[in-house]
PDB file of all heavy atoms in Angstrom:
ATOM      1  N   ASP A   1       0.858  -1.188   0.000  1.00  0.00           N
ATOM      2  CA  ASP A   1       0.000   0.000   0.000  1.00  0.00           C
ATOM      3  C   ASP A   1       0.892   1.234   0.000  1.00  0.00           C
ATOM      4  O   ASP A   1       1.911   1.281   0.704  1.00  0.00           O
ATOM      5  CB  ASP A   1      -0.901   0.014   1.241  1.00  0.00           C
ATOM      6  CG  ASP A   1      -1.875  -1.144   1.254  1.00  0.00           C
ATOM      7  OD1 ASP A   1      -1.939  -1.894   0.252  1.00  0.00           O
ATOM      8  OD2 ASP A   1      -2.579  -1.313   2.268  1.00  0.00           O
ATOM      9  N   THR A   2       0.514   2.229  -0.782  1.00  0.00           N
ATOM     10  CA  THR A   2       1.381   3.380  -0.989  1.00  0.00           C
ATOM     11  C   THR A   2       0.584   4.674  -0.991  1.00  0.00           C
ATOM     12  O   THR A   2      -0.498   4.739  -1.578  1.00  0.00           O
ATOM     13  CB  THR A   2       2.140   3.269  -2.331  1.00  0.00           C
ATOM     14  OG1 THR A   2       2.825   2.014  -2.389  1.00  0.00           O
ATOM     15  CG2 THR A   2       3.133   4.398  -2.498  1.00  0.00           C
ATOM     16  N   GLN A   3       1.112   5.700  -0.331  1.00  0.00           N
ATOM     17  CA  GLN A   3       0.556   7.038  -0.451  1.00  0.00           C
ATOM     18  C   GLN A   3       1.418   7.805  -1.453  1.00  0.00           C
ATOM     19  O   GLN A   3       2.628   7.936  -1.264  1.00  0.00           O
ATOM     20  CB  GLN A   3       0.539   7.769   0.891  1.00  0.00           C
ATOM     21  CG  GLN A   3      -0.130   9.140   0.824  1.00  0.00           C
ATOM     22  CD  GLN A   3      -0.149   9.845   2.168  1.00  0.00           C
ATOM     23  OE1 GLN A   3       0.839  10.427   2.583  1.00  0.00           O
ATOM     24  NE2 GLN A   3      -1.298   9.791   2.837  1.00  0.00           N
ATOM     25  N   VAL A   4       0.792   8.292  -2.517  1.00  0.00           N
ATOM     26  CA  VAL A   4       1.545   8.967  -3.563  1.00  0.00           C
ATOM     27  C   VAL A   4       1.175  10.446  -3.609  1.00  0.00           C
ATOM     28  O   VAL A   4       0.064  10.840  -3.251  1.00  0.00           O
ATOM     29  CB  VAL A   4       1.296   8.328  -4.945  1.00  0.00           C
ATOM     30  CG1 VAL A   4       1.784   6.897  -4.978  1.00  0.00           C
ATOM     31  CG2 VAL A   4      -0.178   8.402  -5.331  1.00  0.00           C
ATOM     32  N   ALA A   5       2.132  11.252  -4.039  1.00  0.00           N
ATOM     33  CA  ALA A   5       1.922  12.686  -4.235  1.00  0.00           C
ATOM     34  C   ALA A   5       2.120  12.971  -5.717  1.00  0.00           C
ATOM     35  O   ALA A   5       3.239  12.876  -6.228  1.00  0.00           O
ATOM     36  CB  ALA A   5       2.910  13.490  -3.386  1.00  0.00           C
ATOM     37  N   VAL A   6       1.036  13.278  -6.407  1.00  0.00           N
ATOM     38  CA  VAL A   6       1.060  13.433  -7.865  1.00  0.00           C
ATOM     39  C   VAL A   6       1.033  14.921  -8.227  1.00  0.00           C
ATOM     40  O   VAL A   6       0.081  15.635  -7.885  1.00  0.00           O
ATOM     41  CB  VAL A   6      -0.136  12.719  -8.519  1.00  0.00           C
ATOM     42  CG1 VAL A   6      -0.084  12.882 -10.029  1.00  0.00           C
ATOM     43  CG2 VAL A   6      -0.148  11.248  -8.133  1.00  0.00           C
ATOM     44  N   ASN A   7       2.069  15.373  -8.910  1.00  0.00           N
ATOM     45  CA  ASN A   7       2.129  16.753  -9.378  1.00  0.00           C
ATOM     46  C   ASN A   7       1.486  16.881 -10.754  1.00  0.00           C
ATOM     47  O   ASN A   7       1.756  16.070 -11.656  1.00  0.00           O
ATOM     48  CB  ASN A   7       3.590  17.217  -9.470  1.00  0.00           C
ATOM     49  CG  ASN A   7       4.238  17.333  -8.106  1.00  0.00           C
ATOM     50  OD1 ASN A   7       3.814  18.128  -7.276  1.00  0.00           O
ATOM     51  ND2 ASN A   7       5.266  16.529  -7.878  1.00  0.00           N
ATOM     52  N   ILE A   8       0.630  17.887 -10.908  1.00  0.00           N
ATOM     53  CA  ILE A   8       0.062  18.222 -12.212  1.00  0.00           C
ATOM     54  C   ILE A   8       0.682  19.544 -12.633  1.00  0.00           C
ATOM     55  O   ILE A   8       0.457  20.581 -11.993  1.00  0.00           O
ATOM     56  CB  ILE A   8      -1.467  18.323 -12.151  1.00  0.00           C
ATOM     57  CG1 ILE A   8      -2.064  16.984 -11.690  1.00  0.00           C
ATOM     58  CG2 ILE A   8      -2.033  18.709 -13.512  1.00  0.00           C
ATOM     59  CD1 ILE A   8      -3.570  16.981 -11.571  1.00  0.00           C
ATOM     60  N   PRO A   9       1.499  19.572 -13.696  1.00  0.00           N
ATOM     61  CA  PRO A   9       2.275  20.766 -14.033  1.00  0.00           C
ATOM     62  C   PRO A   9       1.419  21.867 -14.665  1.00  0.00           C
ATOM     63  O   PRO A   9       0.299  21.632 -15.125  1.00  0.00           O
ATOM     64  CB  PRO A   9       3.301  20.230 -15.037  1.00  0.00           C
ATOM     65  CG  PRO A   9       2.594  19.084 -15.691  1.00  0.00           C
ATOM     66  CD  PRO A   9       1.768  18.451 -14.601  1.00  0.00           C
ATOM     67  N   THR A  10       1.977  23.054 -14.685  1.00  0.00           N
ATOM     68  CA  THR A  10       1.302  24.201 -15.293  1.00  0.00           C
ATOM     69  C   THR A  10       0.959  23.932 -16.757  1.00  0.00           C
ATOM     70  O   THR A  10      -0.086  24.366 -17.251  1.00  0.00           O
ATOM     71  CB  THR A  10       2.193  25.449 -15.188  1.00  0.00           C
ATOM     72  OG1 THR A  10       2.478  25.715 -13.809  1.00  0.00           O
ATOM     73  CG2 THR A  10       1.518  26.666 -15.789  1.00  0.00           C
ATOM     74  N   HIS A  11       1.836  23.214 -17.446  1.00  0.00           N
ATOM     75  CA  HIS A  11       1.592  22.906 -18.861  1.00  0.00           C
ATOM     76  C   HIS A  11       0.267  22.165 -19.042  1.00  0.00           C
ATOM     77  O   HIS A  11      -0.466  22.412 -20.015  1.00  0.00           O
ATOM     78  CB  HIS A  11       2.748  22.069 -19.407  1.00  0.00           C
ATOM     79  CG  HIS A  11       2.636  21.779 -20.869  1.00  0.00           C
ATOM     80  ND1 HIS A  11       3.314  20.754 -21.478  1.00  0.00           N
ATOM     81  CD2 HIS A  11       1.898  22.360 -21.838  1.00  0.00           C
ATOM     82  CE1 HIS A  11       3.005  20.721 -22.761  1.00  0.00           C
ATOM     83  NE2 HIS A  11       2.157  21.686 -23.012  1.00  0.00           N
ATOM     84  N   ALA A  12      -0.054  21.260 -18.116  1.00  0.00           N
ATOM     85  CA  ALA A  12      -1.320  20.516 -18.211  1.00  0.00           C
ATOM     86  C   ALA A  12      -2.510  21.453 -18.025  1.00  0.00           C
ATOM     87  O   ALA A  12      -3.530  21.320 -18.713  1.00  0.00           O
ATOM     88  CB  ALA A  12      -1.354  19.405 -17.174  1.00  0.00           C
ATOM     89  N   PHE A  13      -2.388  22.392 -17.101  1.00  0.00           N
ATOM     90  CA  PHE A  13      -3.462  23.363 -16.882  1.00  0.00           C
ATOM     91  C   PHE A  13      -3.668  24.219 -18.129  1.00  0.00           C
ATOM     92  O   PHE A  13      -4.805  24.506 -18.518  1.00  0.00           O
ATOM     93  CB  PHE A  13      -3.146  24.236 -15.669  1.00  0.00           C
ATOM     94  CG  PHE A  13      -3.430  23.574 -14.356  1.00  0.00           C
ATOM     95  CD1 PHE A  13      -2.534  22.667 -13.809  1.00  0.00           C
ATOM     96  CD2 PHE A  13      -4.611  23.836 -13.674  1.00  0.00           C
ATOM     97  CE1 PHE A  13      -2.793  22.045 -12.592  1.00  0.00           C
ATOM     98  CE2 PHE A  13      -4.888  23.222 -12.466  1.00  0.00           C
ATOM     99  CZ  PHE A  13      -3.987  22.317 -11.921  1.00  0.00           C
ATOM    100  N   ASP A  14      -2.567  24.615 -18.764  1.00  0.00           N
ATOM    101  CA  ASP A  14      -2.671  25.411 -19.982  1.00  0.00           C
ATOM    102  C   ASP A  14      -3.220  24.584 -21.142  1.00  0.00           C
ATOM    103  O   ASP A  14      -4.085  25.042 -21.900  1.00  0.00           O
ATOM    104  CB  ASP A  14      -1.296  25.976 -20.364  1.00  0.00           C
ATOM    105  CG  ASP A  14      -0.772  26.968 -19.339  1.00  0.00           C
ATOM    106  OD1 ASP A  14      -1.593  27.515 -18.570  1.00  0.00           O
ATOM    107  OD2 ASP A  14       0.456  27.172 -19.295  1.00  0.00           O
ATOM    108  N   TYR A  15      -2.743  23.375 -21.260  1.00  0.00           N
ATOM    109  CA  TYR A  15      -3.131  22.504 -22.380  1.00  0.00           C
ATOM    110  C   TYR A  15      -4.619  22.162 -22.334  1.00  0.00           C
ATOM    111  O   TYR A  15      -5.307  22.151 -23.364  1.00  0.00           O
ATOM    112  CB  TYR A  15      -2.280  21.235 -22.341  1.00  0.00           C
ATOM    113  CG  TYR A  15      -2.562  20.247 -23.445  1.00  0.00           C
ATOM    114  CD1 TYR A  15      -2.145  20.505 -24.759  1.00  0.00           C
ATOM    115  CD2 TYR A  15      -3.232  19.053 -23.187  1.00  0.00           C
ATOM    116  CE1 TYR A  15      -2.395  19.602 -25.776  1.00  0.00           C
ATOM    117  CE2 TYR A  15      -3.487  18.145 -24.200  1.00  0.00           C
ATOM    118  CZ  TYR A  15      -3.066  18.422 -25.494  1.00  0.00           C
ATOM    119  OH  TYR A  15      -3.327  17.518 -26.495  1.00  0.00           O
ATOM    120  N   PHE A  16      -5.121  21.867 -21.124  1.00  0.00           N
ATOM    121  CA  PHE A  16      -6.521  21.480 -20.963  1.00  0.00           C
ATOM    122  C   PHE A  16      -7.427  22.643 -20.548  1.00  0.00           C
ATOM    123  O   PHE A  16      -8.623  22.433 -20.319  1.00  0.00           O
ATOM    124  CB  PHE A  16      -6.638  20.370 -19.916  1.00  0.00           C
ATOM    125  CG  PHE A  16      -6.257  19.002 -20.409  1.00  0.00           C
ATOM    126  CD1 PHE A  16      -5.637  18.091 -19.560  1.00  0.00           C
ATOM    127  CD2 PHE A  16      -6.525  18.621 -21.712  1.00  0.00           C
ATOM    128  CE1 PHE A  16      -5.304  16.815 -20.000  1.00  0.00           C
ATOM    129  CE2 PHE A  16      -6.188  17.346 -22.161  1.00  0.00           C
ATOM    130  CZ  PHE A  16      -5.574  16.446 -21.312  1.00  0.00           C
ATOM    131  N   HIS A  17      -6.849  23.857 -20.402  1.00  0.00           N
ATOM    132  CA  HIS A  17      -7.612  25.026 -19.960  1.00  0.00           C
ATOM    133  C   HIS A  17      -8.311  24.737 -18.620  1.00  0.00           C
ATOM    134  O   HIS A  17      -9.506  24.969 -18.448  1.00  0.00           O
ATOM    135  CB  HIS A  17      -8.644  25.440 -21.011  1.00  0.00           C
ATOM    136  CG  HIS A  17      -8.058  25.669 -22.371  1.00  0.00           C
ATOM    137  ND1 HIS A  17      -7.232  26.742 -22.652  1.00  0.00           N
ATOM    138  CD2 HIS A  17      -8.161  24.945 -23.522  1.00  0.00           C
ATOM    139  CE1 HIS A  17      -6.857  26.678 -23.926  1.00  0.00           C
ATOM    140  NE2 HIS A  17      -7.391  25.606 -24.464  1.00  0.00           N
ATOM    141  N   LEU A  18      -7.525  24.234 -17.675  1.00  0.00           N
ATOM    142  CA  LEU A  18      -8.067  23.863 -16.370  1.00  0.00           C
ATOM    143  C   LEU A  18      -8.017  25.045 -15.412  1.00  0.00           C
ATOM    144  O   LEU A  18      -7.012  25.755 -15.347  1.00  0.00           O
ATOM    145  CB  LEU A  18      -7.267  22.707 -15.760  1.00  0.00           C
ATOM    146  CG  LEU A  18      -7.252  21.385 -16.511  1.00  0.00           C
ATOM    147  CD1 LEU A  18      -6.300  20.404 -15.826  1.00  0.00           C
ATOM    148  CD2 LEU A  18      -8.656  20.786 -16.582  1.00  0.00           C
ATOM    149  N   PRO A  19      -9.066  25.242 -14.623  1.00  0.00           N
ATOM    150  CA  PRO A  19      -9.008  26.245 -13.568  1.00  0.00           C
ATOM    151  C   PRO A  19      -8.325  25.664 -12.330  1.00  0.00           C
ATOM    152  O   PRO A  19      -8.298  24.448 -12.135  1.00  0.00           O
ATOM    153  CB  PRO A  19     -10.484  26.526 -13.280  1.00  0.00           C
ATOM    154  CG  PRO A  19     -11.153  25.210 -13.564  1.00  0.00           C
ATOM    155  CD  PRO A  19     -10.393  24.592 -14.703  1.00  0.00           C
ATOM    156  N   GLU A  20      -7.752  26.525 -11.519  1.00  0.00           N
ATOM    157  CA  GLU A  20      -7.239  26.075 -10.228  1.00  0.00           C
ATOM    158  C   GLU A  20      -8.405  26.021  -9.251  1.00  0.00           C
ATOM    159  O   GLU A  20      -9.169  26.971  -9.133  1.00  0.00           O
ATOM    160  CB  GLU A  20      -6.148  27.020  -9.719  1.00  0.00           C
ATOM    161  CG  GLU A  20      -4.888  26.990 -10.565  1.00  0.00           C
ATOM    162  CD  GLU A  20      -3.745  27.740  -9.904  1.00  0.00           C
ATOM    163  OE1 GLU A  20      -3.611  27.621  -8.659  1.00  0.00           O
ATOM    164  OE2 GLU A  20      -3.004  28.442 -10.615  1.00  0.00           O
ATOM    165  N   LEU A  21      -8.529  24.898  -8.561  1.00  0.00           N
ATOM    166  CA  LEU A  21      -9.648  24.673  -7.637  1.00  0.00           C
ATOM    167  C   LEU A  21      -9.091  24.327  -6.267  1.00  0.00           C
ATOM    168  O   LEU A  21      -8.387  23.324  -6.102  1.00  0.00           O
ATOM    169  CB  LEU A  21     -10.539  23.539  -8.158  1.00  0.00           C
ATOM    170  CG  LEU A  21     -11.127  23.744  -9.573  1.00  0.00           C
ATOM    171  CD1 LEU A  21     -11.794  22.473 -10.060  1.00  0.00           C
ATOM    172  CD2 LEU A  21     -12.103  24.907  -9.575  1.00  0.00           C
ATOM    173  N   GLN A  22      -9.376  25.164  -5.280  1.00  0.00           N
ATOM    174  CA  GLN A  22      -8.841  24.951  -3.944  1.00  0.00           C
ATOM    175  C   GLN A  22      -9.521  23.805  -3.207  1.00  0.00           C
ATOM    176  O   GLN A  22      -8.912  23.135  -2.391  1.00  0.00           O
ATOM    177  CB  GLN A  22      -8.968  26.241  -3.128  1.00  0.00           C
ATOM    178  CG  GLN A  22      -8.083  27.362  -3.634  1.00  0.00           C
ATOM    179  CD  GLN A  22      -6.610  26.949  -3.699  1.00  0.00           C
ATOM    180  OE1 GLN A  22      -6.077  26.373  -2.749  1.00  0.00           O
ATOM    181  NE2 GLN A  22      -5.961  27.236  -4.826  1.00  0.00           N
ATOM    182  N   SER A  23     -10.778  23.570  -3.493  1.00  0.00           N
ATOM    183  CA  SER A  23     -11.498  22.478  -2.843  1.00  0.00           C
ATOM    184  C   SER A  23     -12.588  21.986  -3.784  1.00  0.00           C
ATOM    185  O   SER A  23     -13.571  22.680  -4.015  1.00  0.00           O
ATOM    186  CB  SER A  23     -12.109  22.946  -1.517  1.00  0.00           C
ATOM    187  OG  SER A  23     -12.802  21.884  -0.883  1.00  0.00           O
ATOM    188  N   VAL A  24     -12.370  20.823  -4.340  1.00  0.00           N
ATOM    189  CA  VAL A  24     -13.318  20.278  -5.304  1.00  0.00           C
ATOM    190  C   VAL A  24     -13.627  18.827  -4.940  1.00  0.00           C
ATOM    191  O   VAL A  24     -12.741  18.077  -4.538  1.00  0.00           O
ATOM    192  CB  VAL A  24     -12.770  20.380  -6.749  1.00  0.00           C
ATOM    193  CG1 VAL A  24     -11.460  19.622  -6.900  1.00  0.00           C
ATOM    194  CG2 VAL A  24     -13.789  19.880  -7.748  1.00  0.00           C
ATOM    195  N   GLU A  25     -14.902  18.460  -5.050  1.00  0.00           N
ATOM    196  CA  GLU A  25     -15.302  17.080  -4.800  1.00  0.00           C
ATOM    197  C   GLU A  25     -15.093  16.257  -6.064  1.00  0.00           C
ATOM    198  O   GLU A  25     -15.462  16.680  -7.161  1.00  0.00           O
ATOM    199  CB  GLU A  25     -16.767  16.998  -4.355  1.00  0.00           C
ATOM    200  CG  GLU A  25     -16.985  17.401  -2.915  1.00  0.00           C
ATOM    201  CD  GLU A  25     -18.333  16.931  -2.384  1.00  0.00           C
ATOM    202  OE1 GLU A  25     -19.158  16.477  -3.201  1.00  0.00           O
ATOM    203  OE2 GLU A  25     -18.558  17.012  -1.165  1.00  0.00           O
ATOM    204  N   ALA A  26     -14.490  15.108  -5.890  1.00  0.00           N
ATOM    205  CA  ALA A  26     -14.214  14.214  -7.015  1.00  0.00           C
ATOM    206  C   ALA A  26     -14.721  12.823  -6.670  1.00  0.00           C
ATOM    207  O   ALA A  26     -14.900  12.481  -5.495  1.00  0.00           O
ATOM    208  CB  ALA A  26     -12.716  14.186  -7.310  1.00  0.00           C
ATOM    209  N   THR A  27     -14.927  12.025  -7.693  1.00  0.00           N
ATOM    210  CA  THR A  27     -15.397  10.651  -7.508  1.00  0.00           C
ATOM    211  C   THR A  27     -14.311   9.680  -7.923  1.00  0.00           C
ATOM    212  O   THR A  27     -13.727   9.818  -9.015  1.00  0.00           O
ATOM    213  CB  THR A  27     -16.664  10.390  -8.346  1.00  0.00           C
ATOM    214  OG1 THR A  27     -17.677  11.315  -7.980  1.00  0.00           O
ATOM    215  CG2 THR A  27     -17.183   8.977  -8.110  1.00  0.00           C
ATOM    216  N   GLU A  28     -14.021   8.711  -7.062  1.00  0.00           N
ATOM    217  CA  GLU A  28     -13.110   7.634  -7.427  1.00  0.00           C
ATOM    218  C   GLU A  28     -13.962   6.564  -8.106  1.00  0.00           C
ATOM    219  O   GLU A  28     -14.778   5.905  -7.469  1.00  0.00           O
ATOM    220  CB  GLU A  28     -12.404   7.085  -6.190  1.00  0.00           C
ATOM    221  CG  GLU A  28     -11.089   6.382  -6.502  1.00  0.00           C
ATOM    222  CD  GLU A  28     -11.270   5.106  -7.306  1.00  0.00           C
ATOM    223  OE1 GLU A  28     -11.844   4.150  -6.764  1.00  0.00           O
ATOM    224  OE2 GLU A  28     -10.846   5.071  -8.482  1.00  0.00           O
TER     225      GLU A  28
END
């Protein structure tokens, strides 16, 4: 079992036109 820290770079935000979200609900 592993806890991972995944970085999403600025390039991905620019490429996908993603907004920065401080608190967002997501579904696994």
